[in-house]
Amino acid sequence: MVHAKGARIRVRGLQPAQVLAGLAGIAFLVVGIIGLTRTGFGNFAGHNEAGFWRFSGNPLMSLVRVVTGVVGLLLAFGSGRARVFGWLLFIGYGLLFVWGLMIDGLIATNPFANAGNPMDLGRADTWLHLGVAALGLLIAVLPARRTILLPEDETADEPTVAEQRTTDRTEIMDRTDADRTDGATGEPRRRSFLRRDHKGRGPEVTHEERPPGLAH
């Protein structure tokens, strides 16, 4: 295993962006479900009096809130995914905020005037969407909690590997020693320089051959 030359910084644990994304997802899901139970799906893209205080209770808007809540809960299970959800909130509800200003006539002419107001957006909804966009930006840029990872943490499993290698080496050495000793007496085996004659006449001493020039 390659050792790290220095400490590393990694993102670990539950991040604040994940907490905010999860809470926002739950809030959107609850509000959207309550809105659908009060209005049903009748007059889906029209005006509905059964709203939340000054906010729209339009079935289409409630459905958008339910989808937003589901996406938020799904993306809250990862630090990077939670930040993606934050950017989605910032862009999506930022556009709704601008559109609401156009519908109220506070800025330029509404380019979607022919479509009417399918989400039944009012002035209170417009400023609410501004707050949601700001929350999304906060989730997207919120700093992550980081943990310093030392090189010892990365190589924590090395003693086990080293122990296994030492055990294997010891077994090989034991087998080698067993081959060098006599199994019956336990004494080291000696290599004999005697060889028996092929006709069984007894041991025959092997003589070392010398060149003719070195004969006695």
N, C-alpha and C. Protein backbone atom coordinates (compact mmCIF):
# COMPACT_ATOMS: atom_id res chain seq x y z
N MET A 1 0.84 -1.19 0.00
CA MET A 1 0.00 0.00 0.00
C MET A 1 0.88 1.24 0.00
N VAL A 2 0.49 2.25 -0.76
CA VAL A 2 1.28 3.46 -0.88
C VAL A 2 0.97 4.37 0.30
N HIS A 3 2.02 4.82 0.97
CA HIS A 3 1.83 5.70 2.12
C HIS A 3 1.61 7.13 1.64
N ALA A 4 0.74 7.85 2.33
CA ALA A 4 0.51 9.25 2.02
C ALA A 4 1.66 10.08 2.58
N LYS A 5 2.12 11.06 1.83
CA LYS A 5 3.22 11.89 2.28
C LYS A 5 2.78 12.88 3.34
N GLY A 6 1.55 13.25 3.35
CA GLY A 6 1.07 14.22 4.33
C GLY A 6 -0.39 14.00 4.65
N ALA A 7 -0.89 14.79 5.56
CA ALA A 7 -2.30 14.68 5.97
C ALA A 7 -3.20 15.16 4.83
N ARG A 8 -4.40 14.60 4.77
CA ARG A 8 -5.39 14.98 3.78
C ARG A 8 -6.64 15.49 4.47
N ILE A 9 -7.35 16.37 3.78
CA ILE A 9 -8.58 16.94 4.32
C ILE A 9 -9.74 16.39 3.50
N ARG A 10 -10.67 15.73 4.16
CA ARG A 10 -11.81 15.13 3.48
C ARG A 10 -13.11 15.52 4.15
N VAL A 11 -14.18 15.51 3.36
CA VAL A 11 -15.52 15.82 3.87
C VAL A 11 -16.09 14.56 4.50
N ARG A 12 -16.45 14.64 5.76
CA ARG A 12 -16.98 13.48 6.47
C ARG A 12 -18.14 13.89 7.35
N GLY A 13 -19.04 12.94 7.58
CA GLY A 13 -20.16 13.18 8.48
C GLY A 13 -21.31 13.91 7.81
N LEU A 14 -22.36 14.14 8.59
CA LEU A 14 -23.54 14.84 8.09
C LEU A 14 -23.23 16.32 7.95
N GLN A 15 -23.45 16.84 6.75
CA GLN A 15 -23.10 18.23 6.45
C GLN A 15 -24.29 19.15 6.71
N PRO A 16 -24.03 20.44 7.04
CA PRO A 16 -25.12 21.40 7.23
C PRO A 16 -25.99 21.55 5.99
N ALA A 17 -25.39 21.46 4.80
CA ALA A 17 -26.18 21.56 3.57
C ALA A 17 -27.19 20.43 3.47
N GLN A 18 -26.80 19.23 3.92
CA GLN A 18 -27.72 18.10 3.90
C GLN A 18 -28.88 18.31 4.87
N VAL A 19 -28.58 18.87 6.04
CA VAL A 19 -29.64 19.12 7.03
C VAL A 19 -30.65 20.13 6.49
N LEU A 20 -30.15 21.22 5.94
CA LEU A 20 -31.06 22.24 5.40
C LEU A 20 -31.86 21.70 4.21
N ALA A 21 -31.21 20.92 3.36
CA ALA A 21 -31.92 20.34 2.21
C ALA A 21 -33.02 19.39 2.68
N GLY A 22 -32.72 18.58 3.69
CA GLY A 22 -33.73 17.67 4.21
C GLY A 22 -34.90 18.40 4.85
N LEU A 23 -34.60 19.44 5.64
CA LEU A 23 -35.68 20.20 6.28
C LEU A 23 -36.52 20.93 5.24
N ALA A 24 -35.87 21.51 4.23
CA ALA A 24 -36.62 22.19 3.17
C ALA A 24 -37.48 21.21 2.40
N GLY A 25 -36.94 20.03 2.13
CA GLY A 25 -37.73 19.02 1.42
C GLY A 25 -38.96 18.60 2.21
N ILE A 26 -38.80 18.42 3.51
CA ILE A 26 -39.94 18.03 4.35
C ILE A 26 -40.99 19.15 4.36
N ALA A 27 -40.54 20.39 4.49
CA ALA A 27 -41.48 21.52 4.53
C ALA A 27 -42.26 21.63 3.22
N PHE A 28 -41.57 21.53 2.10
CA PHE A 28 -42.26 21.61 0.81
C PHE A 28 -43.24 20.46 0.64
N LEU A 29 -42.82 19.26 1.04
CA LEU A 29 -43.70 18.10 0.88
C LEU A 29 -44.96 18.23 1.73
N VAL A 30 -44.81 18.66 2.97
CA VAL A 30 -45.97 18.80 3.87
C VAL A 30 -46.92 19.87 3.36
N VAL A 31 -46.39 21.03 2.99
CA VAL A 31 -47.25 22.12 2.51
C VAL A 31 -47.95 21.73 1.22
N GLY A 32 -47.24 21.05 0.32
CA GLY A 32 -47.86 20.64 -0.93
C GLY A 32 -48.96 19.62 -0.74
N ILE A 33 -48.74 18.65 0.16
CA ILE A 33 -49.77 17.63 0.41
C ILE A 33 -51.00 18.26 1.06
N ILE A 34 -50.77 19.15 2.03
CA ILE A 34 -51.91 19.82 2.67
C ILE A 34 -52.71 20.62 1.63
N GLY A 35 -51.99 21.30 0.73
CA GLY A 35 -52.68 22.08 -0.30
C GLY A 35 -53.52 21.20 -1.21
N LEU A 36 -52.99 20.04 -1.59
CA LEU A 36 -53.75 19.14 -2.46
C LEU A 36 -54.96 18.55 -1.75
N THR A 37 -54.83 18.29 -0.45
CA THR A 37 -55.98 17.73 0.29
C THR A 37 -57.09 18.78 0.44
N ARG A 38 -56.74 20.04 0.45
CA ARG A 38 -57.75 21.09 0.61
C ARG A 38 -58.41 21.46 -0.71
N THR A 39 -57.67 21.41 -1.79
CA THR A 39 -58.22 21.87 -3.07
C THR A 39 -58.55 20.72 -4.02
N GLY A 40 -57.91 19.57 -3.83
CA GLY A 40 -58.07 18.50 -4.80
C GLY A 40 -57.39 18.89 -6.11
N PHE A 41 -57.79 18.23 -7.19
CA PHE A 41 -57.21 18.53 -8.50
C PHE A 41 -58.20 19.27 -9.40
N GLY A 42 -59.30 19.68 -8.84
CA GLY A 42 -60.27 20.45 -9.62
C GLY A 42 -59.77 21.86 -9.87
N ASN A 43 -60.14 22.42 -11.03
CA ASN A 43 -59.66 23.76 -11.42
C ASN A 43 -58.14 23.82 -11.25
N PHE A 44 -57.48 22.86 -11.91
CA PHE A 44 -56.06 22.57 -11.66
C PHE A 44 -55.17 23.80 -11.82
N ALA A 45 -55.36 24.58 -12.88
CA ALA A 45 -54.49 25.74 -13.13
C ALA A 45 -55.25 27.05 -12.99
N GLY A 46 -56.27 27.05 -12.16
CA GLY A 46 -57.05 28.27 -11.98
C GLY A 46 -56.92 28.80 -10.57
N HIS A 47 -57.72 29.82 -10.29
CA HIS A 47 -57.70 30.43 -8.96
C HIS A 47 -58.51 29.57 -7.98
N ASN A 48 -57.99 29.44 -6.77
CA ASN A 48 -58.67 28.66 -5.75
C ASN A 48 -58.62 29.44 -4.45
N GLU A 49 -59.76 29.55 -3.80
CA GLU A 49 -59.84 30.33 -2.56
C GLU A 49 -59.25 29.61 -1.36
N ALA A 50 -59.13 28.29 -1.45
CA ALA A 50 -58.61 27.53 -0.31
C ALA A 50 -57.09 27.58 -0.31
N GLY A 51 -56.56 28.73 0.12
CA GLY A 51 -55.11 28.90 0.13
C GLY A 51 -54.56 28.88 1.55
N PHE A 52 -53.29 29.23 1.68
CA PHE A 52 -52.62 29.31 2.97
C PHE A 52 -52.42 30.77 3.31
N TRP A 53 -53.32 31.26 4.14
CA TRP A 53 -53.24 32.66 4.54
C TRP A 53 -53.23 33.54 3.30
N ARG A 54 -52.11 34.16 2.95
CA ARG A 54 -52.06 34.99 1.75
C ARG A 54 -51.38 34.29 0.57
N PHE A 55 -50.98 33.05 0.79
CA PHE A 55 -50.24 32.34 -0.25
C PHE A 55 -51.18 31.48 -1.10
N SER A 56 -50.74 31.17 -2.29
CA SER A 56 -51.56 30.45 -3.26
C SER A 56 -51.81 29.02 -2.82
N GLY A 57 -53.06 28.57 -3.04
CA GLY A 57 -53.41 27.18 -2.80
C GLY A 57 -53.77 26.48 -4.10
N ASN A 58 -53.26 27.02 -5.19
CA ASN A 58 -53.52 26.47 -6.51
C ASN A 58 -53.04 25.03 -6.59
N PRO A 59 -53.84 24.08 -7.14
CA PRO A 59 -53.40 22.67 -7.22
C PRO A 59 -52.10 22.50 -7.99
N LEU A 60 -51.90 23.26 -9.06
CA LEU A 60 -50.64 23.16 -9.81
C LEU A 60 -49.47 23.60 -8.95
N MET A 61 -49.64 24.69 -8.20
CA MET A 61 -48.57 25.15 -7.33
C MET A 61 -48.31 24.16 -6.20
N SER A 62 -49.37 23.54 -5.70
CA SER A 62 -49.19 22.52 -4.66
C SER A 62 -48.42 21.32 -5.19
N LEU A 63 -48.72 20.93 -6.43
CA LEU A 63 -48.00 19.82 -7.04
C LEU A 63 -46.52 20.16 -7.22
N VAL A 64 -46.23 21.40 -7.61
CA VAL A 64 -44.84 21.84 -7.73
C VAL A 64 -44.13 21.75 -6.39
N ARG A 65 -44.81 22.10 -5.33
CA ARG A 65 -44.21 22.02 -3.99
C ARG A 65 -43.96 20.57 -3.58
N VAL A 66 -44.89 19.68 -3.91
CA VAL A 66 -44.68 18.26 -3.59
C VAL A 66 -43.46 17.71 -4.33
N VAL A 67 -43.35 18.02 -5.61
CA VAL A 67 -42.20 17.55 -6.39
C VAL A 67 -40.91 18.13 -5.82
N THR A 68 -40.94 19.40 -5.45
CA THR A 68 -39.75 20.02 -4.85
C THR A 68 -39.36 19.31 -3.56
N GLY A 69 -40.35 18.97 -2.73
CA GLY A 69 -40.05 18.27 -1.49
C GLY A 69 -39.46 16.88 -1.72
N VAL A 70 -40.00 16.15 -2.67
CA VAL A 70 -39.48 14.81 -2.95
C VAL A 70 -38.04 14.88 -3.46
N VAL A 71 -37.77 15.81 -4.36
CA VAL A 71 -36.41 15.98 -4.88
C VAL A 71 -35.45 16.37 -3.76
N GLY A 72 -35.90 17.25 -2.87
CA GLY A 72 -35.05 17.67 -1.76
C GLY A 72 -34.70 16.52 -0.84
N LEU A 73 -35.66 15.66 -0.53
CA LEU A 73 -35.38 14.52 0.34
C LEU A 73 -34.44 13.52 -0.33
N LEU A 74 -34.60 13.33 -1.63
CA LEU A 74 -33.73 12.38 -2.33
C LEU A 74 -32.30 12.89 -2.43
N LEU A 75 -32.14 14.18 -2.62
CA LEU A 75 -30.80 14.75 -2.78
C LEU A 75 -30.13 15.10 -1.45
N ALA A 76 -30.85 14.96 -0.35
CA ALA A 76 -30.27 15.30 0.95
C ALA A 76 -29.36 14.21 1.49
N PHE A 77 -29.24 13.08 0.80
CA PHE A 77 -28.43 11.97 1.30
C PHE A 77 -26.97 12.05 0.88
N GLY A 78 -26.56 13.17 0.32
CA GLY A 78 -25.17 13.35 -0.05
C GLY A 78 -24.81 14.82 -0.01
N SER A 79 -23.57 15.13 0.36
CA SER A 79 -23.17 16.53 0.48
C SER A 79 -23.22 17.23 -0.88
N GLY A 80 -22.66 16.60 -1.91
CA GLY A 80 -22.69 17.20 -3.23
C GLY A 80 -24.09 17.30 -3.81
N ARG A 81 -24.90 16.24 -3.59
CA ARG A 81 -26.27 16.26 -4.10
C ARG A 81 -27.12 17.32 -3.40
N ALA A 82 -26.87 17.54 -2.11
CA ALA A 82 -27.61 18.58 -1.39
C ALA A 82 -27.30 19.96 -1.96
N ARG A 83 -26.05 20.16 -2.36
CA ARG A 83 -25.69 21.45 -2.97
C ARG A 83 -26.35 21.60 -4.34
N VAL A 84 -26.47 20.49 -5.07
CA VAL A 84 -27.20 20.55 -6.34
C VAL A 84 -28.65 20.96 -6.11
N PHE A 85 -29.26 20.43 -5.07
CA PHE A 85 -30.64 20.82 -4.74
C PHE A 85 -30.71 22.31 -4.41
N GLY A 86 -29.69 22.81 -3.73
CA GLY A 86 -29.65 24.24 -3.43
C GLY A 86 -29.62 25.08 -4.69
N TRP A 87 -28.82 24.67 -5.66
CA TRP A 87 -28.78 25.41 -6.92
C TRP A 87 -30.11 25.32 -7.66
N LEU A 88 -30.76 24.16 -7.59
CA LEU A 88 -32.07 24.01 -8.23
C LEU A 88 -33.10 24.96 -7.61
N LEU A 89 -33.08 25.05 -6.28
CA LEU A 89 -33.99 25.99 -5.61
C LEU A 89 -33.68 27.42 -6.03
N PHE A 90 -32.41 27.76 -6.04
CA PHE A 90 -32.02 29.13 -6.36
C PHE A 90 -32.46 29.52 -7.78
N ILE A 91 -32.22 28.62 -8.73
CA ILE A 91 -32.56 28.94 -10.12
C ILE A 91 -34.07 28.88 -10.35
N GLY A 92 -34.70 27.76 -9.90
CA GLY A 92 -36.13 27.57 -10.16
C GLY A 92 -37.00 28.62 -9.50
N TYR A 93 -36.82 28.80 -8.20
CA TYR A 93 -37.68 29.76 -7.49
C TYR A 93 -37.23 31.19 -7.73
N GLY A 94 -35.97 31.37 -8.15
CA GLY A 94 -35.56 32.71 -8.59
C GLY A 94 -36.31 33.14 -9.84
N LEU A 95 -36.48 32.18 -10.77
CA LEU A 95 -37.26 32.47 -11.97
C LEU A 95 -38.73 32.74 -11.63
N LEU A 96 -39.27 31.96 -10.69
CA LEU A 96 -40.65 32.23 -10.26
C LEU A 96 -40.79 33.60 -9.62
N PHE A 97 -39.76 34.02 -8.88
CA PHE A 97 -39.78 35.36 -8.27
C PHE A 97 -39.82 36.45 -9.34
N VAL A 98 -38.97 36.30 -10.36
CA VAL A 98 -38.95 37.29 -11.45
C VAL A 98 -40.28 37.28 -12.20
N TRP A 99 -40.81 36.08 -12.43
CA TRP A 99 -42.09 35.97 -13.14
C TRP A 99 -43.21 36.62 -12.33
N GLY A 100 -43.17 36.43 -11.01
CA GLY A 100 -44.17 37.06 -10.16
C GLY A 100 -44.10 38.57 -10.23
N LEU A 101 -42.89 39.13 -10.29
CA LEU A 101 -42.74 40.57 -10.44
C LEU A 101 -43.33 41.05 -11.77
N MET A 102 -43.15 40.24 -12.80
CA MET A 102 -43.72 40.60 -14.11
C MET A 102 -45.23 40.55 -14.08
N ILE A 103 -45.78 39.53 -13.41
CA ILE A 103 -47.24 39.40 -13.33
C ILE A 103 -47.84 40.57 -12.56
N ASP A 104 -47.16 41.00 -11.49
CA ASP A 104 -47.66 42.13 -10.70
C ASP A 104 -47.39 43.46 -11.37
N GLY A 105 -46.63 43.45 -12.45
CA GLY A 105 -46.32 44.69 -13.15
C GLY A 105 -45.25 45.51 -12.49
N LEU A 106 -44.46 44.92 -11.61
CA LEU A 106 -43.42 45.68 -10.92
C LEU A 106 -42.17 45.87 -11.77
N ILE A 107 -41.97 45.00 -12.75
CA ILE A 107 -40.84 45.17 -13.67
C ILE A 107 -41.37 45.06 -15.10
N ALA A 108 -40.54 44.68 -16.04
CA ALA A 108 -40.89 44.68 -17.46
C ALA A 108 -42.15 43.87 -17.72
N THR A 109 -42.66 44.04 -18.91
CA THR A 109 -43.89 43.36 -19.32
C THR A 109 -43.73 41.86 -19.28
N ASN A 110 -44.75 41.17 -18.83
CA ASN A 110 -44.72 39.71 -18.72
C ASN A 110 -44.68 39.08 -20.11
N PRO A 111 -43.60 38.35 -20.45
CA PRO A 111 -43.55 37.72 -21.78
C PRO A 111 -44.50 36.54 -21.90
N PHE A 112 -45.01 36.05 -20.76
CA PHE A 112 -45.94 34.92 -20.77
C PHE A 112 -47.36 35.39 -20.46
N ALA A 113 -47.68 36.60 -20.87
CA ALA A 113 -49.00 37.15 -20.56
C ALA A 113 -50.12 36.34 -21.19
N ASN A 114 -49.85 35.75 -22.36
CA ASN A 114 -50.88 34.94 -23.03
C ASN A 114 -51.21 33.68 -22.24
N ALA A 115 -50.25 33.22 -21.41
CA ALA A 115 -50.48 32.01 -20.60
C ALA A 115 -51.30 32.32 -19.36
N GLY A 116 -51.49 33.60 -19.06
CA GLY A 116 -52.24 33.96 -17.86
C GLY A 116 -51.39 33.75 -16.61
N ASN A 117 -52.04 33.25 -15.55
CA ASN A 117 -51.35 33.02 -14.28
C ASN A 117 -51.70 31.61 -13.81
N PRO A 118 -51.14 30.56 -14.46
CA PRO A 118 -51.56 29.19 -14.15
C PRO A 118 -51.26 28.76 -12.73
N MET A 119 -50.27 29.37 -12.07
CA MET A 119 -49.94 28.99 -10.70
C MET A 119 -50.61 29.90 -9.68
N ASP A 120 -51.43 30.82 -10.16
CA ASP A 120 -52.17 31.73 -9.29
C ASP A 120 -51.22 32.45 -8.33
N LEU A 121 -50.15 32.99 -8.90
CA LEU A 121 -49.14 33.66 -8.08
C LEU A 121 -49.62 35.04 -7.67
N GLY A 122 -49.50 35.32 -6.37
CA GLY A 122 -49.81 36.64 -5.85
C GLY A 122 -48.54 37.32 -5.37
N ARG A 123 -48.72 38.54 -4.84
CA ARG A 123 -47.55 39.28 -4.37
C ARG A 123 -46.88 38.57 -3.19
N ALA A 124 -47.67 37.96 -2.31
CA ALA A 124 -47.07 37.22 -1.19
C ALA A 124 -46.26 36.02 -1.69
N ASP A 125 -46.77 35.32 -2.71
CA ASP A 125 -46.03 34.19 -3.28
C ASP A 125 -44.72 34.65 -3.90
N THR A 126 -44.74 35.82 -4.53
CA THR A 126 -43.53 36.33 -5.18
C THR A 126 -42.42 36.54 -4.18
N TRP A 127 -42.74 37.17 -3.05
CA TRP A 127 -41.69 37.42 -2.04
C TRP A 127 -41.32 36.14 -1.30
N LEU A 128 -42.27 35.22 -1.19
CA LEU A 128 -41.93 33.92 -0.62
C LEU A 128 -40.92 33.19 -1.50
N HIS A 129 -41.10 33.28 -2.81
CA HIS A 129 -40.17 32.63 -3.73
C HIS A 129 -38.78 33.27 -3.67
N LEU A 130 -38.74 34.56 -3.38
CA LEU A 130 -37.44 35.21 -3.19
C LEU A 130 -36.72 34.60 -1.98
N GLY A 131 -37.47 34.38 -0.89
CA GLY A 131 -36.86 33.76 0.29
C GLY A 131 -36.41 32.34 0.01
N VAL A 132 -37.20 31.59 -0.78
CA VAL A 132 -36.81 30.21 -1.11
C VAL A 132 -35.54 30.22 -1.97
N ALA A 133 -35.45 31.16 -2.91
CA ALA A 133 -34.24 31.25 -3.74
C ALA A 133 -33.02 31.58 -2.88
N ALA A 134 -33.18 32.47 -1.89
CA ALA A 134 -32.08 32.79 -1.00
C ALA A 134 -31.67 31.57 -0.17
N LEU A 135 -32.66 30.78 0.28
CA LEU A 135 -32.35 29.55 1.01
C LEU A 135 -31.58 28.57 0.12
N GLY A 136 -31.99 28.46 -1.14
CA GLY A 136 -31.28 27.58 -2.05
C GLY A 136 -29.84 28.01 -2.24
N LEU A 137 -29.60 29.31 -2.38
CA LEU A 137 -28.23 29.81 -2.52
C LEU A 137 -27.42 29.51 -1.26
N LEU A 138 -28.03 29.64 -0.10
CA LEU A 138 -27.33 29.32 1.15
C LEU A 138 -26.94 27.84 1.19
N ILE A 139 -27.85 26.96 0.80
CA ILE A 139 -27.55 25.53 0.79
C ILE A 139 -26.42 25.22 -0.19
N ALA A 140 -26.41 25.93 -1.33
CA ALA A 140 -25.42 25.64 -2.37
C ALA A 140 -24.02 26.07 -1.97
N VAL A 141 -23.89 27.16 -1.22
CA VAL A 141 -22.56 27.70 -0.92
C VAL A 141 -22.16 27.50 0.54
N LEU A 142 -22.97 26.83 1.32
CA LEU A 142 -22.65 26.64 2.74
C LEU A 142 -21.39 25.80 2.88
N PRO A 143 -20.40 26.25 3.67
CA PRO A 143 -19.15 25.49 3.80
C PRO A 143 -19.40 24.12 4.42
N ALA A 144 -18.61 23.17 3.99
CA ALA A 144 -18.73 21.80 4.50
C ALA A 144 -17.81 21.61 5.70
N ARG A 145 -18.21 20.74 6.59
CA ARG A 145 -17.35 20.37 7.71
C ARG A 145 -16.35 19.34 7.22
N ARG A 146 -15.08 19.61 7.43
CA ARG A 146 -14.03 18.74 6.91
C ARG A 146 -13.25 18.11 8.04
N THR A 147 -12.70 16.94 7.78
CA THR A 147 -11.92 16.18 8.76
C THR A 147 -10.51 15.99 8.24
N ILE A 148 -9.52 16.21 9.10
CA ILE A 148 -8.13 15.98 8.71
C ILE A 148 -7.83 14.49 8.84
N LEU A 149 -7.43 13.90 7.74
CA LEU A 149 -7.14 12.48 7.70
C LEU A 149 -5.63 12.30 7.69
N LEU A 150 -5.09 11.71 8.76
CA LEU A 150 -3.65 11.50 8.88
C LEU A 150 -3.22 10.27 8.09
N PRO A 151 -1.93 10.19 7.72
CA PRO A 151 -1.47 9.00 6.98
C PRO A 151 -1.67 7.71 7.74
N GLU A 152 -1.61 7.78 9.10
CA GLU A 152 -1.80 6.56 9.88
C GLU A 152 -3.20 6.00 9.70
N ASP A 153 -4.18 6.88 9.47
CA ASP A 153 -5.56 6.41 9.28
C ASP A 153 -5.71 5.66 7.98
N GLU A 154 -4.94 6.05 6.94
CA GLU A 154 -5.06 5.39 5.65
C GLU A 154 -4.38 4.03 5.65
N THR A 155 -3.37 3.88 6.54
CA THR A 155 -2.61 2.62 6.57
C THR A 155 -2.93 1.81 7.82
N ALA A 156 -4.15 2.02 8.35
CA ALA A 156 -4.51 1.31 9.59
C ALA A 156 -4.62 -0.18 9.38
N ASP A 157 -4.86 -0.61 8.15
CA ASP A 157 -5.01 -2.02 7.89
C ASP A 157 -3.71 -2.71 7.55
N GLU A 158 -2.58 -1.99 7.58
CA GLU A 158 -1.30 -2.61 7.23
C GLU A 158 -0.82 -3.65 8.24
N PRO A 159 -1.00 -3.46 9.58
CA PRO A 159 -0.55 -4.51 10.51
C PRO A 159 -1.15 -5.87 10.21
N THR A 160 -2.41 -5.92 9.79
CA THR A 160 -3.03 -7.19 9.47
C THR A 160 -2.35 -7.83 8.28
N VAL A 161 -2.07 -7.02 7.25
CA VAL A 161 -1.40 -7.57 6.07
C VAL A 161 0.00 -8.03 6.41
N ALA A 162 0.72 -7.22 7.22
CA ALA A 162 2.08 -7.61 7.59
C ALA A 162 2.08 -8.88 8.43
N GLU A 163 1.10 -9.00 9.33
CA GLU A 163 1.02 -10.20 10.15
C GLU A 163 0.77 -11.44 9.29
N GLN A 164 -0.10 -11.27 8.28
CA GLN A 164 -0.39 -12.39 7.40
C GLN A 164 0.85 -12.79 6.61
N ARG A 165 1.60 -11.81 6.13
CA ARG A 165 2.81 -12.12 5.38
C ARG A 165 3.84 -12.80 6.28
N THR A 166 3.95 -12.33 7.54
CA THR A 166 4.89 -12.95 8.47
C THR A 166 4.50 -14.39 8.74
N THR A 167 3.19 -14.64 8.89
CA THR A 167 2.73 -16.01 9.12
C THR A 167 3.05 -16.91 7.93
N ASP A 168 2.83 -16.42 6.73
CA ASP A 168 3.14 -17.22 5.55
C ASP A 168 4.63 -17.51 5.45
N ARG A 169 5.45 -16.52 5.77
CA ARG A 169 6.89 -16.73 5.72
C ARG A 169 7.34 -17.74 6.76
N THR A 170 6.72 -17.70 7.95
CA THR A 170 7.08 -18.66 9.00
C THR A 170 6.70 -20.08 8.59
N GLU A 171 5.53 -20.23 7.94
CA GLU A 171 5.13 -21.57 7.49
C GLU A 171 6.09 -22.10 6.45
N ILE A 172 6.57 -21.24 5.55
CA ILE A 172 7.53 -21.70 4.54
C ILE A 172 8.83 -22.13 5.18
N MET A 173 9.29 -21.37 6.19
CA MET A 173 10.54 -21.72 6.88
C MET A 173 10.37 -23.03 7.65
N ASP A 174 9.22 -23.26 8.26
CA ASP A 174 8.99 -24.50 8.98
C ASP A 174 9.01 -25.69 8.03
N ARG A 175 8.42 -25.52 6.87
CA ARG A 175 8.44 -26.62 5.90
C ARG A 175 9.85 -26.91 5.43
N THR A 176 10.65 -25.86 5.22
CA THR A 176 12.03 -26.05 4.78
C THR A 176 12.83 -26.78 5.85
N ASP A 177 12.64 -26.40 7.13
CA ASP A 177 13.35 -27.08 8.21
C ASP A 177 12.92 -28.53 8.33
N ALA A 178 11.63 -28.80 8.07
CA ALA A 178 11.15 -30.18 8.14
C ALA A 178 11.77 -31.03 7.04
N ASP A 179 12.00 -30.44 5.88
CA ASP A 179 12.64 -31.18 4.80
C ASP A 179 14.10 -31.47 5.09
N ARG A 180 14.74 -30.64 5.89
CA ARG A 180 16.16 -30.82 6.19
C ARG A 180 16.40 -31.77 7.36
N THR A 181 15.37 -32.14 8.09
CA THR A 181 15.54 -33.01 9.25
C THR A 181 14.91 -34.35 8.98
N ASP A 182 15.34 -35.33 9.74
CA ASP A 182 14.78 -36.67 9.63
C ASP A 182 13.48 -36.71 10.39
N GLY A 183 12.45 -37.20 9.75
CA GLY A 183 11.15 -37.24 10.40
C GLY A 183 11.11 -38.18 11.58
N ALA A 184 11.89 -39.25 11.60
CA ALA A 184 11.85 -40.24 12.68
C ALA A 184 12.65 -39.78 13.89
N THR A 185 13.89 -39.33 13.68
CA THR A 185 14.76 -38.98 14.80
C THR A 185 14.81 -37.49 15.07
N GLY A 186 14.39 -36.71 14.12
CA GLY A 186 14.45 -35.28 14.32
C GLY A 186 15.83 -34.71 14.11
N GLU A 187 16.81 -35.55 13.72
CA GLU A 187 18.15 -35.07 13.51
C GLU A 187 18.30 -34.58 12.08
N PRO A 188 19.23 -33.66 11.88
CA PRO A 188 19.43 -33.16 10.51
C PRO A 188 19.87 -34.27 9.58
N ARG A 189 19.34 -34.25 8.41
CA ARG A 189 19.72 -35.23 7.41
C ARG A 189 21.07 -34.89 6.82
N ARG A 190 21.88 -35.92 6.59
CA ARG A 190 23.19 -35.73 6.00
C ARG A 190 23.20 -36.34 4.60
N ARG A 191 23.79 -35.58 3.72
CA ARG A 191 23.86 -36.07 2.36
C ARG A 191 25.00 -37.09 2.26
N SER A 192 24.68 -38.25 1.83
CA SER A 192 25.66 -39.34 1.74
C SER A 192 26.45 -39.22 0.44
N PHE A 193 27.76 -39.44 0.57
CA PHE A 193 28.63 -39.47 -0.59
C PHE A 193 28.88 -40.88 -1.09
N LEU A 194 28.12 -41.83 -0.55
CA LEU A 194 28.23 -43.22 -0.96
C LEU A 194 27.05 -43.58 -1.83
N ARG A 195 27.28 -44.37 -2.80
CA ARG A 195 26.20 -44.87 -3.62
C ARG A 195 26.30 -46.37 -3.73
N ARG A 196 25.20 -46.98 -3.77
CA ARG A 196 25.17 -48.42 -3.81
C ARG A 196 25.36 -48.91 -5.23
N ASP A 197 26.01 -50.06 -5.32
CA ASP A 197 26.22 -50.67 -6.62
C ASP A 197 24.89 -51.17 -7.15
N HIS A 198 24.70 -51.11 -8.46
CA HIS A 198 23.43 -51.51 -9.04
C HIS A 198 23.12 -52.97 -8.80
N LYS A 199 24.17 -53.84 -8.56
CA LYS A 199 23.94 -55.27 -8.34
C LYS A 199 23.80 -55.62 -6.88
N GLY A 200 23.74 -54.58 -6.02
CA GLY A 200 23.52 -54.84 -4.59
C GLY A 200 24.76 -55.35 -3.91
N ARG A 201 26.00 -55.03 -4.39
CA ARG A 201 27.21 -55.54 -3.76
C ARG A 201 27.67 -54.66 -2.62
N GLY A 202 26.92 -53.68 -2.30
CA GLY A 202 27.32 -52.86 -1.16
C GLY A 202 27.67 -51.45 -1.60
N PRO A 203 27.98 -50.62 -0.66
CA PRO A 203 28.30 -49.23 -0.99
C PRO A 203 29.58 -49.12 -1.79
N GLU A 204 29.61 -48.18 -2.64
CA GLU A 204 30.78 -47.96 -3.47
C GLU A 204 31.20 -46.51 -3.32
N VAL A 205 32.44 -46.32 -3.01
CA VAL A 205 32.93 -44.97 -2.77
C VAL A 205 33.13 -44.29 -4.10
N THR A 206 32.60 -43.11 -4.20
CA THR A 206 32.78 -42.34 -5.43
C THR A 206 34.08 -41.56 -5.34
N HIS A 207 34.85 -41.66 -6.35
CA HIS A 207 36.13 -40.95 -6.39
C HIS A 207 36.01 -39.76 -7.32
N GLU A 208 36.66 -38.74 -6.88
CA GLU A 208 36.64 -37.54 -7.69
C GLU A 208 37.62 -37.70 -8.84
N GLU A 209 37.19 -37.48 -10.03
CA GLU A 209 38.04 -37.60 -11.18
C GLU A 209 38.90 -36.37 -11.34
N ARG A 210 40.15 -36.63 -11.68
CA ARG A 210 41.07 -35.53 -11.89
C ARG A 210 41.60 -35.59 -13.31
N PRO A 211 42.01 -34.49 -13.83
CA PRO A 211 42.59 -34.50 -15.16
C PRO A 211 43.86 -35.31 -15.18
N PRO A 212 44.23 -35.88 -16.31
CA PRO A 212 45.42 -36.74 -16.40
C PRO A 212 46.68 -36.03 -15.98
N GLY A 213 46.78 -34.77 -16.18
CA GLY A 213 48.02 -34.05 -15.81
C GLY A 213 48.21 -33.92 -14.34
N LEU A 214 47.11 -34.08 -13.56
CA LEU A 214 47.21 -33.92 -12.10
C LEU A 214 47.19 -35.25 -11.37
N ALA A 215 47.35 -36.37 -12.09
CA ALA A 215 47.34 -37.67 -11.42
C ALA A 215 48.60 -37.84 -10.59
N HIS A 216 48.55 -38.68 -9.40
CA HIS A 216 49.72 -38.85 -8.55
C HIS A 216 50.61 -39.96 -9.08
